[in-house]
Amino acid sequence: MAFIPVNEPALNGNEKKYLLECLETGWISSEGPFVDRFEAEFAQRVGRQHGVAVANGSAALDVAVAALGLGPGDEVILPTFTIISCAAAIVRAGAKPVVVDVDPITWNMDVGQLEACITPRTRAIMVVHIYGLPVDMEPLLAIAQRHHLAIIEDAAEMHGQTYRGQPCGSFGDISTFSFYANKHITTGEGGMVLTDDAELAERCRSLRNLCFQPQQRFVHEELGWNFRLGNLQAALGVAQLEQLDGFIARKRAIGQRYTEGLVGVQGLQLPLAATDYAENVYWVYGLVLDDGVPFDAIEAMQRLKAKGVGTRPFFWPMHEQPVFRKMGLFEGEKHPVAERIARRGFYLPSGLALTDGQIDQVITTVREVMA
């Protein structure tokens, strides 16, 4: 029985055609025409005025934080249950990350905890939409407006998702996406910063390109990064974007098939199919083991691997990260929901190339392990 990987992308559109065009024309660097095209078309899809393509989603976060001028003395609120890139961008800028716990059902940040964390030093909220459902944005936007806070919206996992009909990635003062191989749209590695503010967009372009100056290219007033995206990667992105609606439909079909096969299995919390503001796009299909299950996520994943099924653990909370503890951050903090799902949560194979037969095999294997 062949091993089922946790992710395999679908590359069945114009990817090869566009890559060959890059090779035949010689445009393989960040100067190529597919970069501008990808920026424009992706920004349009998300309902944004400006897109700035970068090397990866983590780079997008670094650029976004820097472009907003966040630094020493500033505080940024974010969920503790997220990838380390989010907090790392804040810490690298010299600002302080302040974390909140997450909702046990949606696994997104608990918006009800935000206002208690706001101090005179709070400058921004970093929204991170998790795994397939968006954060409840209406109350969050009201809080941000009331306290005059900027919003950084990390929509890395939300390609094609909407909140009350409005695209995820269209809410923040500045928003970020990732195009890693496990995302709905992939460029292998890649990311993008989106905004409606022309001045902010121009600052992002400068920061991603070493802060070269138009008149004196090699004279630098400040430090930026070489975070450029190449034309080859952008060509992949254009081809993938053309298929996004089909990808979303397939992801939802995968999620529905998993749910139909796993509903009623004792000891498992399945992902929520929908809220009143969004239908799950199942970036990944996550499971959380009930407290009564006599093993944790690590052991469950080992058992599944032994039977030919790849998995991946849930995020580890920011307040429990050793690297941040060594810096003196989050001392004594407890966020029980994030701590629990980090230890008891994992996700199943969820890639777009997954076949129905493979899904059924995974379902059978999960049932065997839980039995």
Protein backbone atom coordinates (compact mmCIF):
# COMPACT_ATOMS: atom_id res chain seq x y z
CA MET A 1 0.00 0.00 0.00
CA ALA A 2 1.54 3.31 -1.09
CA PHE A 3 2.25 5.94 1.57
CA ILE A 4 -0.18 8.88 1.44
CA PRO A 5 1.71 12.17 1.96
CA VAL A 6 0.22 14.99 4.00
CA ASN A 7 0.29 17.25 0.96
CA GLU A 8 0.76 17.00 -2.79
CA PRO A 9 -0.03 20.02 -4.98
CA ALA A 10 -2.08 19.97 -8.16
CA LEU A 11 -0.11 21.29 -11.15
CA ASN A 12 -2.47 20.45 -13.99
CA GLY A 13 -3.14 23.81 -15.61
CA ASN A 14 -0.91 26.19 -17.57
CA GLU A 15 2.07 25.81 -15.24
CA LYS A 16 4.31 24.07 -17.80
CA LYS A 17 3.27 26.44 -20.60
CA TYR A 18 4.09 29.55 -18.59
CA LEU A 19 7.36 28.14 -17.25
CA LEU A 20 8.47 27.32 -20.80
CA GLU A 21 7.62 30.87 -21.79
CA CYS A 22 9.97 32.12 -19.06
CA LEU A 23 12.77 29.87 -20.28
CA GLU A 24 12.26 30.69 -23.94
CA THR A 25 12.25 34.45 -23.35
CA GLY A 26 15.07 34.38 -20.79
CA TRP A 27 12.97 36.14 -18.16
CA ILE A 28 13.73 34.11 -15.03
CA SER A 29 14.57 36.85 -12.50
CA SER A 30 12.31 39.17 -10.52
CA GLU A 31 12.30 41.56 -13.49
CA GLY A 32 10.11 39.25 -15.58
CA PRO A 33 6.58 40.14 -16.76
CA PHE A 34 4.83 37.35 -14.83
CA VAL A 35 5.70 39.10 -11.54
CA ASP A 36 3.69 42.21 -12.43
CA ARG A 37 0.90 40.05 -13.82
CA PHE A 38 0.70 37.87 -10.72
CA GLU A 39 0.68 40.92 -8.43
CA ALA A 40 -2.09 42.61 -10.39
CA GLU A 41 -4.29 39.54 -10.86
CA PHE A 42 -3.97 38.31 -7.29
CA ALA A 43 -4.65 41.79 -5.87
CA GLN A 44 -7.75 42.02 -8.06
CA ARG A 45 -8.97 38.63 -6.87
CA VAL A 46 -8.67 39.74 -3.24
CA GLY A 47 -10.21 43.15 -3.95
CA ARG A 48 -7.03 45.11 -3.28
CA GLN A 49 -5.42 48.01 -5.10
CA HIS A 50 -1.80 46.94 -4.73
CA GLY A 51 0.07 43.62 -4.57
CA VAL A 52 3.76 43.26 -3.76
CA ALA A 53 5.16 39.79 -4.45
CA VAL A 54 7.88 38.55 -2.08
CA ALA A 55 10.00 35.45 -1.50
CA ASN A 56 7.67 33.71 0.98
CA GLY A 57 4.90 34.27 3.51
CA SER A 58 7.32 34.89 6.38
CA ALA A 59 9.02 37.61 4.31
CA ALA A 60 5.59 39.13 3.69
CA LEU A 61 5.05 39.43 7.43
CA ASP A 62 8.49 40.99 7.98
CA VAL A 63 7.82 43.55 5.25
CA ALA A 64 4.32 44.31 6.56
CA VAL A 65 5.52 44.96 10.11
CA ALA A 66 8.40 47.11 8.89
CA ALA A 67 6.22 49.04 6.44
CA LEU A 68 3.88 50.03 9.27
CA GLY A 69 6.85 51.37 11.23
CA LEU A 70 6.35 49.07 14.21
CA GLY A 71 9.34 48.89 16.52
CA PRO A 72 10.71 49.22 20.06
CA GLY A 73 8.09 50.23 22.60
CA ASP A 74 5.19 49.05 20.42
CA GLU A 75 2.92 46.12 21.22
CA VAL A 76 1.14 43.93 18.68
CA ILE A 77 -1.66 41.55 19.67
CA LEU A 78 -1.90 38.19 17.90
CA PRO A 79 -3.17 34.66 18.57
CA THR A 80 -0.82 32.38 20.47
CA PHE A 81 -1.95 29.52 18.20
CA THR A 82 -0.20 30.31 14.94
CA ILE A 83 3.02 29.71 13.03
CA ILE A 84 6.14 31.25 14.53
CA SER A 85 6.63 33.56 11.52
CA CYS A 86 3.90 35.84 12.88
CA ALA A 87 5.50 36.48 16.26
CA ALA A 88 9.02 36.40 14.80
CA ALA A 89 8.25 39.36 12.51
CA ILE A 90 7.15 41.39 15.53
CA VAL A 91 10.15 40.39 17.64
CA ARG A 92 12.66 41.07 14.86
CA ALA A 93 11.24 44.57 14.49
CA GLY A 94 11.95 45.17 18.18
CA ALA A 95 8.25 45.30 19.09
CA LYS A 96 6.53 43.15 21.71
CA PRO A 97 4.10 40.35 20.79
CA VAL A 98 1.09 40.08 23.09
CA VAL A 99 -0.85 36.85 22.63
CA VAL A 100 -4.45 35.79 23.21
CA ASP A 101 -5.96 32.31 23.41
CA VAL A 102 -8.12 30.78 20.70
CA ASP A 103 -11.67 29.55 20.32
CA PRO A 104 -11.90 25.78 20.95
CA ILE A 105 -14.26 25.21 18.02
CA THR A 106 -12.92 27.39 15.18
CA TRP A 107 -9.27 27.38 16.44
CA ASN A 108 -9.10 31.09 15.57
CA MET A 109 -8.15 33.89 17.96
CA ASP A 110 -10.70 34.59 20.69
CA VAL A 111 -11.80 38.11 19.77
CA GLY A 112 -13.46 38.46 23.17
CA GLN A 113 -10.02 38.55 24.81
CA LEU A 114 -8.61 41.41 22.72
CA GLU A 115 -9.68 44.51 24.61
CA ALA A 116 -8.27 43.26 27.91
CA CYS A 117 -4.84 43.13 26.24
CA ILE A 118 -4.85 46.68 24.89
CA THR A 119 -2.49 49.13 26.58
CA PRO A 120 -1.27 52.64 25.68
CA ARG A 121 1.59 50.91 23.82
CA THR A 122 -0.64 48.76 21.59
CA ARG A 123 -0.21 49.76 17.96
CA ALA A 124 -1.66 46.89 15.96
CA ILE A 125 -3.59 43.62 15.89
CA MET A 126 -2.19 40.80 13.77
CA VAL A 127 -5.16 38.76 12.60
CA VAL A 128 -4.31 35.18 11.59
CA HIS A 129 -7.01 33.11 9.88
CA ILE A 130 -6.42 29.48 10.83
CA TYR A 131 -6.77 26.22 8.87
CA GLY A 132 -9.93 26.97 6.87
CA LEU A 133 -12.24 29.33 8.75
CA PRO A 134 -11.65 33.08 9.10
CA VAL A 135 -11.50 35.10 12.28
CA ASP A 136 -14.78 36.82 13.19
CA MET A 137 -13.82 40.19 11.72
CA GLU A 138 -16.77 42.49 12.51
CA PRO A 139 -16.18 42.77 16.28
CA LEU A 140 -12.43 42.82 15.73
CA LEU A 141 -12.66 45.71 13.26
CA ALA A 142 -14.84 47.62 15.71
CA ILE A 143 -12.24 47.17 18.46
CA ALA A 144 -9.42 48.28 16.16
CA GLN A 145 -11.32 51.37 15.08
CA ARG A 146 -12.28 52.28 18.64
CA HIS A 147 -8.65 52.09 19.79
CA HIS A 148 -7.07 53.44 16.57
CA LEU A 149 -5.10 50.25 15.92
CA ALA A 150 -3.64 49.06 12.63
CA ILE A 151 -4.57 45.61 11.36
CA ILE A 152 -2.11 43.19 9.82
CA GLU A 153 -4.19 40.42 8.26
CA ASP A 154 -2.35 37.15 7.73
CA ALA A 155 -4.47 35.29 5.20
CA ALA A 156 -1.74 32.79 4.28
CA GLU A 157 -4.16 29.87 4.54
CA MET A 158 -7.24 31.59 3.15
CA HIS A 159 -6.84 31.73 -0.64
CA GLY A 160 -10.36 32.12 -2.03
CA GLN A 161 -12.03 32.28 1.39
CA THR A 162 -14.49 35.04 2.28
CA TYR A 163 -15.90 36.59 5.43
CA ARG A 164 -19.57 37.52 4.94
CA GLY A 165 -18.90 37.54 1.21
CA GLN A 166 -15.83 39.80 1.34
CA PRO A 167 -12.45 38.23 0.45
CA CYS A 168 -10.11 37.34 3.28
CA GLY A 169 -7.04 39.49 2.85
CA SER A 170 -9.14 42.58 2.08
CA PHE A 171 -9.67 43.67 5.69
CA GLY A 172 -6.28 44.68 7.02
CA ASP A 173 -4.46 47.97 6.60
CA ILE A 174 -1.95 45.54 5.18
CA SER A 175 -2.46 41.85 4.44
CA THR A 176 -0.16 38.93 3.73
CA PHE A 177 -0.36 35.63 1.85
CA SER A 178 1.87 32.59 1.46
CA PHE A 179 2.27 30.48 -1.68
CA TYR A 180 4.16 27.58 -0.11
CA ALA A 181 3.65 24.15 -1.67
CA ASN A 182 0.81 23.22 0.70
CA LYS A 183 -1.30 26.32 -0.01
CA HIS A 184 -4.30 26.42 -2.37
CA ILE A 185 -2.17 28.47 -4.76
CA THR A 186 1.50 27.53 -4.78
CA THR A 187 4.61 28.98 -6.34
CA GLY A 188 6.80 26.48 -4.46
CA GLU A 189 8.03 29.29 -2.24
CA GLY A 190 6.51 32.74 -2.39
CA GLY A 191 4.29 35.30 -0.74
CA MET A 192 2.54 38.61 -1.25
CA VAL A 193 1.76 41.79 0.65
CA LEU A 194 -1.52 43.51 -0.24
CA THR A 195 -2.84 46.98 0.62
CA ASP A 196 -5.06 49.75 -0.71
CA ASP A 197 -2.59 52.42 0.41
CA ALA A 198 -0.33 53.47 -2.49
CA GLU A 199 2.32 54.94 -0.19
CA LEU A 200 2.39 51.80 1.95
CA ALA A 201 2.66 49.63 -1.17
CA GLU A 202 5.61 51.64 -2.44
CA ARG A 203 7.32 51.28 0.92
CA CYS A 204 6.81 47.50 0.73
CA ARG A 205 8.36 47.44 -2.75
CA SER A 206 11.39 49.30 -1.45
CA LEU A 207 11.80 47.07 1.59
CA ARG A 208 11.62 43.86 -0.49
CA ASN A 209 14.27 45.22 -2.86
CA LEU A 210 17.13 46.27 -0.51
CA CYS A 211 15.78 49.85 -0.36
CA PHE A 212 17.49 50.77 -3.62
CA GLN A 213 16.88 54.43 -4.51
CA PRO A 214 15.65 55.49 -7.96
CA GLN A 215 18.31 58.17 -8.47
CA GLN A 216 21.28 56.61 -6.67
CA ARG A 217 20.69 52.88 -6.71
CA PHE A 218 23.60 51.84 -4.51
CA VAL A 219 23.25 54.62 -1.93
CA HIS A 220 21.00 53.40 0.88
CA GLU A 221 19.12 55.52 3.42
CA GLU A 222 17.84 52.43 5.27
CA LEU A 223 18.15 48.65 5.28
CA GLY A 224 15.75 46.43 3.41
CA TRP A 225 15.84 42.79 2.33
CA ASN A 226 16.30 40.86 -0.87
CA PHE A 227 12.83 39.35 -0.68
CA ARG A 228 12.06 39.45 -4.41
CA LEU A 229 9.94 36.79 -6.14
CA GLY A 230 11.30 35.40 -9.40
CA ASN A 231 9.48 35.29 -12.73
CA LEU A 232 9.46 31.46 -12.75
CA GLN A 233 7.63 31.38 -9.44
CA ALA A 234 5.22 34.12 -10.51
CA ALA A 235 4.45 32.16 -13.67
CA LEU A 236 3.40 29.22 -11.50
CA GLY A 237 1.28 31.60 -9.44
CA VAL A 238 -0.56 32.95 -12.48
CA ALA A 239 -1.35 29.42 -13.66
CA GLN A 240 -2.52 28.39 -10.20
CA LEU A 241 -4.68 31.48 -9.74
CA GLU A 242 -6.54 30.61 -12.93
CA GLN A 243 -7.71 27.41 -11.19
CA LEU A 244 -8.53 28.81 -7.75
CA ASP A 245 -12.31 28.36 -7.91
CA GLY A 246 -11.85 24.72 -8.85
CA PHE A 247 -9.30 24.28 -6.08
CA ILE A 248 -11.73 25.67 -3.49
CA ALA A 249 -14.49 23.35 -4.71
CA ARG A 250 -12.12 20.37 -4.48
CA LYS A 251 -10.95 21.32 -0.99
CA ARG A 252 -14.53 21.52 0.21
CA ALA A 253 -15.29 18.16 -1.40
CA ILE A 254 -12.28 16.65 0.41
CA GLY A 255 -13.48 18.09 3.71
CA GLN A 256 -17.01 16.83 3.18
CA ARG A 257 -15.80 13.31 2.31
CA TYR A 258 -13.62 13.18 5.41
CA THR A 259 -16.47 14.39 7.61
CA GLU A 260 -18.93 11.89 6.20
CA GLY A 261 -16.41 9.10 6.82
CA LEU A 262 -15.35 10.17 10.31
CA VAL A 263 -18.52 11.55 11.87
CA GLY A 264 -19.49 9.49 14.89
CA VAL A 265 -15.97 8.16 15.56
CA GLN A 266 -15.60 8.27 19.31
CA GLY A 267 -12.86 10.51 20.67
CA LEU A 268 -12.49 12.87 17.71
CA GLN A 269 -13.35 16.54 17.29
CA LEU A 270 -13.81 17.24 13.58
CA PRO A 271 -13.37 20.68 12.00
CA LEU A 272 -16.41 22.94 11.96
CA ALA A 273 -18.03 22.90 8.52
CA ALA A 274 -19.30 26.47 8.67
CA THR A 275 -20.07 29.48 10.84
CA ASP A 276 -22.69 32.15 10.22
CA TYR A 277 -20.04 34.17 8.36
CA ALA A 278 -18.07 31.59 6.34
CA GLU A 279 -18.00 28.07 4.94
CA ASN A 280 -14.82 26.12 5.68
CA VAL A 281 -12.32 25.91 2.81
CA TYR A 282 -10.40 23.13 4.59
CA TRP A 283 -6.88 24.37 3.91
CA VAL A 284 -6.11 21.33 6.06
CA TYR A 285 -8.43 18.79 7.64
CA GLY A 286 -7.64 18.93 11.35
CA LEU A 287 -8.59 16.53 14.14
CA VAL A 288 -8.44 17.05 17.90
CA LEU A 289 -8.41 14.06 20.24
CA ASP A 290 -10.84 14.16 23.15
CA ASP A 291 -9.29 14.23 26.61
CA GLY A 292 -10.56 10.71 27.24
CA VAL A 293 -8.44 9.25 24.43
CA PRO A 294 -5.50 7.50 26.17
CA PHE A 295 -2.83 8.81 23.77
CA ASP A 296 -1.84 12.22 22.44
CA ALA A 297 -1.42 13.62 18.92
CA ILE A 298 2.20 12.48 18.65
CA GLU A 299 1.29 8.86 19.28
CA ALA A 300 -1.74 9.05 16.99
CA MET A 301 0.49 10.40 14.21
CA GLN A 302 3.04 7.64 14.78
CA ARG A 303 0.32 4.99 14.56
CA LEU A 304 -1.02 6.49 11.33
CA LYS A 305 2.47 6.74 9.82
CA ALA A 306 3.06 3.06 10.57
CA LYS A 307 -0.07 2.33 8.54
CA GLY A 308 0.99 4.50 5.58
CA VAL A 309 -0.73 7.81 6.33
CA GLY A 310 1.19 11.08 6.56
CA THR A 311 0.11 13.70 9.07
CA ARG A 312 1.37 16.93 10.58
CA PRO A 313 0.96 18.35 14.10
CA PHE A 314 -0.97 21.48 14.95
CA PHE A 315 0.92 24.70 15.65
CA TRP A 316 2.74 24.97 18.97
CA PRO A 317 1.65 28.06 20.98
CA MET A 318 3.84 31.15 20.84
CA HIS A 319 3.84 31.55 24.62
CA GLU A 320 5.40 28.09 24.97
CA GLN A 321 8.12 28.55 22.35
CA PRO A 322 11.57 28.03 23.93
CA VAL A 323 13.16 30.72 21.76
CA PHE A 324 10.76 33.36 23.10
CA ARG A 325 10.98 32.11 26.68
CA LYS A 326 14.76 32.60 26.49
CA MET A 327 14.08 36.21 25.52
CA GLY A 328 11.97 36.71 28.64
CA LEU A 329 8.69 36.84 26.74
CA PHE A 330 5.38 35.36 27.94
CA GLU A 331 6.70 34.51 31.40
CA GLY A 332 4.07 32.69 33.43
CA GLU A 333 1.39 32.95 30.73
CA LYS A 334 -1.21 30.23 30.30
CA HIS A 335 -3.57 29.87 27.36
CA PRO A 336 -5.29 26.54 27.97
CA VAL A 337 -7.19 26.09 24.71
CA ALA A 338 -4.10 26.57 22.54
CA GLU A 339 -2.05 24.37 24.87
CA ARG A 340 -4.61 21.59 24.63
CA ILE A 341 -5.14 21.56 20.87
CA ALA A 342 -1.39 21.80 20.26
CA ARG A 343 -0.96 18.56 22.19
CA ARG A 344 -4.05 16.77 20.93
CA GLY A 345 -4.44 18.16 17.40
CA PHE A 346 -3.03 17.08 14.04
CA TYR A 347 -4.15 17.15 10.45
CA LEU A 348 -4.66 14.51 7.79
CA PRO A 349 -3.52 14.44 4.15
CA SER A 350 -5.21 17.47 2.61
CA GLY A 351 -3.40 18.28 -0.64
CA LEU A 352 -5.23 19.08 -3.86
CA ALA A 353 -3.81 16.02 -5.61
CA LEU A 354 -5.43 13.71 -3.03
CA THR A 355 -7.76 11.18 -4.64
CA ASP A 356 -11.09 9.95 -3.29
CA GLY A 357 -9.56 6.50 -2.97
CA GLN A 358 -6.77 7.88 -0.82
CA ILE A 359 -9.27 9.76 1.34
CA ASP A 360 -11.22 6.56 1.91
CA GLN A 361 -8.00 4.76 2.82
CA VAL A 362 -7.16 7.48 5.35
CA ILE A 363 -10.66 7.29 6.84
CA THR A 364 -10.37 3.52 7.25
CA THR A 365 -6.94 3.89 8.87
CA VAL A 366 -8.09 6.60 11.29
CA ARG A 367 -11.01 4.42 12.32
CA GLU A 368 -8.62 1.52 12.96
CA VAL A 369 -6.33 3.69 15.09
CA MET A 370 -9.20 5.14 17.10
CA ALA A 371 -10.70 1.70 17.67
